[in-house]
Amino acid sequence: YDVNSFAVTAALAALEDQVYIDEYVSEILKSRAWIKTKLVEHEIRHHIDGGNYFLIWPKRDSKDIEQCLRNEGILVRNMSGKSLIDRSLRVSIGTKSQMKQFWGAFSKYEGTTR
């Protein structure tokens, strides 16, 4: 998604604050571990590795899940039609609070609430 000039200015300022970067990276690593546990527990096909995103293959149609998440204010990228990752959704890893919000919405629409 496009980034406005305010976001670019904020990002440049953040890059000059090493303490902030280190804390943010630490938080994202914890969030990644948390969401990976949820995906494994609920047997959601996924690929999560060293980046700041992961891929999930919903059991329901990925376009439907994408729209449901969008209605909740959660933006993901639908990878339908892309070789090897067809029907997956690309999800950026955020803070634990953001990932809990994502998981709550995703599990509601995917039917994995337990």
C-alpha atoms as a PDB file:
ATOM      1  CA  TYR A   1       0.000   0.000   0.000  1.00  0.00           C
ATOM      2  CA  ASP A   2       1.127   3.534  -0.694  1.00  0.00           C
ATOM      3  CA  VAL A   3       2.867   5.527   2.024  1.00  0.00           C
ATOM      4  CA  ASN A   4       2.279   9.254   2.519  1.00  0.00           C
ATOM      5  CA  SER A   5       4.968  11.873   3.215  1.00  0.00           C
ATOM      6  CA  PHE A   6       4.141  11.956   6.945  1.00  0.00           C
ATOM      7  CA  ALA A   7       4.827   8.234   7.228  1.00  0.00           C
ATOM      8  CA  VAL A   8       8.128   8.652   5.375  1.00  0.00           C
ATOM      9  CA  THR A   9       9.171  11.478   7.745  1.00  0.00           C
ATOM     10  CA  ALA A  10       8.229   9.368  10.773  1.00  0.00           C
ATOM     11  CA  ALA A  11      10.147   6.368   9.409  1.00  0.00           C
ATOM     12  CA  LEU A  12      13.269   8.469   8.843  1.00  0.00           C
ATOM     13  CA  ALA A  13      13.064   9.792  12.409  1.00  0.00           C
ATOM     14  CA  ALA A  14      12.615   6.260  13.755  1.00  0.00           C
ATOM     15  CA  LEU A  15      15.701   5.074  11.886  1.00  0.00           C
ATOM     16  CA  GLU A  16      17.747   7.597  13.830  1.00  0.00           C
ATOM     17  CA  ASP A  17      16.531   6.166  17.158  1.00  0.00           C
ATOM     18  CA  GLN A  18      18.375   2.862  17.659  1.00  0.00           C
ATOM     19  CA  VAL A  19      16.714   2.163  21.010  1.00  0.00           C
ATOM     20  CA  TYR A  20      13.289   2.449  19.370  1.00  0.00           C
ATOM     21  CA  ILE A  21      14.352   0.142  16.520  1.00  0.00           C
ATOM     22  CA  ASP A  22      15.730  -2.469  18.910  1.00  0.00           C
ATOM     23  CA  GLU A  23      12.569  -2.417  21.052  1.00  0.00           C
ATOM     24  CA  TYR A  24      10.315  -2.613  17.998  1.00  0.00           C
ATOM     25  CA  VAL A  25      12.250  -5.534  16.511  1.00  0.00           C
ATOM     26  CA  SER A  26      12.055  -7.341  19.854  1.00  0.00           C
ATOM     27  CA  GLU A  27       8.293  -6.792  19.987  1.00  0.00           C
ATOM     28  CA  ILE A  28       7.811  -8.040  16.415  1.00  0.00           C
ATOM     29  CA  LEU A  29       9.840 -11.179  17.152  1.00  0.00           C
ATOM     30  CA  LYS A  30       7.598 -11.900  20.150  1.00  0.00           C
ATOM     31  CA  SER A  31       4.501 -11.258  18.036  1.00  0.00           C
ATOM     32  CA  ARG A  32       5.769 -13.594  15.330  1.00  0.00           C
ATOM     33  CA  ALA A  33       6.304 -16.370  17.877  1.00  0.00           C
ATOM     34  CA  TRP A  34       2.824 -15.773  19.331  1.00  0.00           C
ATOM     35  CA  ILE A  35       1.000 -15.876  15.989  1.00  0.00           C
ATOM     36  CA  LYS A  36       3.008 -18.906  14.853  1.00  0.00           C
ATOM     37  CA  THR A  37       1.835 -20.760  17.958  1.00  0.00           C
ATOM     38  CA  LYS A  38      -1.777 -19.885  17.129  1.00  0.00           C
ATOM     39  CA  LEU A  39      -1.396 -21.061  13.527  1.00  0.00           C
ATOM     40  CA  VAL A  40       0.152 -24.365  14.613  1.00  0.00           C
ATOM     41  CA  GLU A  41      -2.418 -24.933  17.386  1.00  0.00           C
ATOM     42  CA  HIS A  42      -5.289 -24.440  14.947  1.00  0.00           C
ATOM     43  CA  GLU A  43      -3.651 -26.348  12.110  1.00  0.00           C
ATOM     44  CA  ILE A  44      -3.710 -23.398   9.723  1.00  0.00           C
ATOM     45  CA  ARG A  45      -1.439 -24.000   6.744  1.00  0.00           C
ATOM     46  CA  HIS A  46       1.154 -21.245   6.867  1.00  0.00           C
ATOM     47  CA  HIS A  47       4.666 -20.148   6.009  1.00  0.00           C
ATOM     48  CA  ILE A  48       6.395 -17.989   8.574  1.00  0.00           C
ATOM     49  CA  ASP A  49      10.127 -17.443   8.507  1.00  0.00           C
ATOM     50  CA  GLY A  50      12.560 -14.603   9.075  1.00  0.00           C
ATOM     51  CA  GLY A  51      10.612 -11.699   7.589  1.00  0.00           C
ATOM     52  CA  ASN A  52       8.064  -9.290   8.995  1.00  0.00           C
ATOM     53  CA  TYR A  53       5.170 -11.109   7.360  1.00  0.00           C
ATOM     54  CA  PHE A  54       3.700 -14.572   6.992  1.00  0.00           C
ATOM     55  CA  LEU A  55       1.525 -16.421   4.521  1.00  0.00           C
ATOM     56  CA  ILE A  56      -1.612 -18.308   5.472  1.00  0.00           C
ATOM     57  CA  TRP A  57      -3.828 -20.534   3.382  1.00  0.00           C
ATOM     58  CA  PRO A  58      -7.355 -20.167   4.779  1.00  0.00           C
ATOM     59  CA  LYS A  59      -9.683 -23.146   4.575  1.00  0.00           C
ATOM     60  CA  ARG A  60     -12.372 -20.808   3.223  1.00  0.00           C
ATOM     61  CA  ASP A  61     -11.920 -18.858  -0.012  1.00  0.00           C
ATOM     62  CA  SER A  62      -9.056 -16.402   0.452  1.00  0.00           C
ATOM     63  CA  LYS A  63     -10.968 -13.618  -1.313  1.00  0.00           C
ATOM     64  CA  ASP A  64     -13.860 -14.002   1.129  1.00  0.00           C
ATOM     65  CA  ILE A  65     -11.526 -13.953   4.135  1.00  0.00           C
ATOM     66  CA  GLU A  66      -9.688 -10.931   2.723  1.00  0.00           C
ATOM     67  CA  GLN A  67     -12.982  -9.036   2.421  1.00  0.00           C
ATOM     68  CA  CYS A  68     -14.117 -10.035   5.904  1.00  0.00           C
ATOM     69  CA  LEU A  69     -10.820  -8.805   7.362  1.00  0.00           C
ATOM     70  CA  ARG A  70     -11.030  -5.585   5.338  1.00  0.00           C
ATOM     71  CA  ASN A  71     -14.502  -4.995   6.817  1.00  0.00           C
ATOM     72  CA  GLU A  72     -12.843  -5.220  10.261  1.00  0.00           C
ATOM     73  CA  GLY A  73     -10.208  -2.663   9.217  1.00  0.00           C
ATOM     74  CA  ILE A  74      -7.464  -5.273   8.749  1.00  0.00           C
ATOM     75  CA  LEU A  75      -5.581  -5.098   5.467  1.00  0.00           C
ATOM     76  CA  VAL A  76      -3.925  -8.212   4.050  1.00  0.00           C
ATOM     77  CA  ARG A  77      -2.736  -9.041   0.555  1.00  0.00           C
ATOM     78  CA  ASN A  78      -4.428 -11.765  -1.390  1.00  0.00           C
ATOM     79  CA  MET A  79      -1.867 -13.853  -3.270  1.00  0.00           C
ATOM     80  CA  SER A  80      -4.402 -15.675  -5.454  1.00  0.00           C
ATOM     81  CA  GLY A  81      -3.065 -16.445  -8.887  1.00  0.00           C
ATOM     82  CA  LYS A  82       0.599 -16.334  -7.843  1.00  0.00           C
ATOM     83  CA  SER A  83       2.582 -19.469  -8.513  1.00  0.00           C
ATOM     84  CA  LEU A  84       3.352 -21.602  -5.427  1.00  0.00           C
ATOM     85  CA  ILE A  85       1.418 -19.325  -3.066  1.00  0.00           C
ATOM     86  CA  ASP A  86      -1.954 -19.299  -4.819  1.00  0.00           C
ATOM     87  CA  ARG A  87      -4.956 -18.789  -2.502  1.00  0.00           C
ATOM     88  CA  SER A  88      -2.792 -17.546   0.375  1.00  0.00           C
ATOM     89  CA  LEU A  89      -2.952 -14.256   2.236  1.00  0.00           C
ATOM     90  CA  ARG A  90       0.130 -12.212   3.081  1.00  0.00           C
ATOM     91  CA  VAL A  91      -0.103 -10.736   6.569  1.00  0.00           C
ATOM     92  CA  SER A  92       2.346  -8.188   7.947  1.00  0.00           C
ATOM     93  CA  ILE A  93       3.454  -8.906  11.497  1.00  0.00           C
ATOM     94  CA  GLY A  94       2.684  -6.065  13.878  1.00  0.00           C
ATOM     95  CA  THR A  95       2.624  -5.585  17.603  1.00  0.00           C
ATOM     96  CA  LYS A  96       1.113  -8.278  19.802  1.00  0.00           C
ATOM     97  CA  SER A  97      -2.003  -6.144  20.215  1.00  0.00           C
ATOM     98  CA  GLN A  98      -2.345  -5.873  16.440  1.00  0.00           C
ATOM     99  CA  MET A  99      -1.778  -9.598  15.984  1.00  0.00           C
ATOM    100  CA  LYS A 100      -4.422 -10.366  18.621  1.00  0.00           C
ATOM    101  CA  GLN A 101      -6.837  -8.156  16.703  1.00  0.00           C
ATOM    102  CA  PHE A 102      -5.941  -9.984  13.461  1.00  0.00           C
ATOM    103  CA  TRP A 103      -6.293 -13.404  15.103  1.00  0.00           C
ATOM    104  CA  GLY A 104      -9.654 -12.535  16.639  1.00  0.00           C
ATOM    105  CA  ALA A 105     -11.072 -11.496  13.278  1.00  0.00           C
ATOM    106  CA  PHE A 106      -9.415 -14.267  11.270  1.00  0.00           C
ATOM    107  CA  SER A 107     -10.446 -17.041  13.638  1.00  0.00           C
ATOM    108  CA  LYS A 108     -14.022 -15.714  13.735  1.00  0.00           C
ATOM    109  CA  TYR A 109     -14.345 -15.870   9.939  1.00  0.00           C
ATOM    110  CA  GLU A 110     -12.281 -19.003   9.494  1.00  0.00           C
ATOM    111  CA  GLY A 111     -14.190 -20.825  12.212  1.00  0.00           C
ATOM    112  CA  THR A 112     -11.172 -21.655  14.397  1.00  0.00           C
ATOM    113  CA  THR A 113     -12.376 -20.219  17.692  1.00  0.00           C
ATOM    114  CA  ARG A 114     -11.544 -22.537  20.555  1.00  0.00           C
END
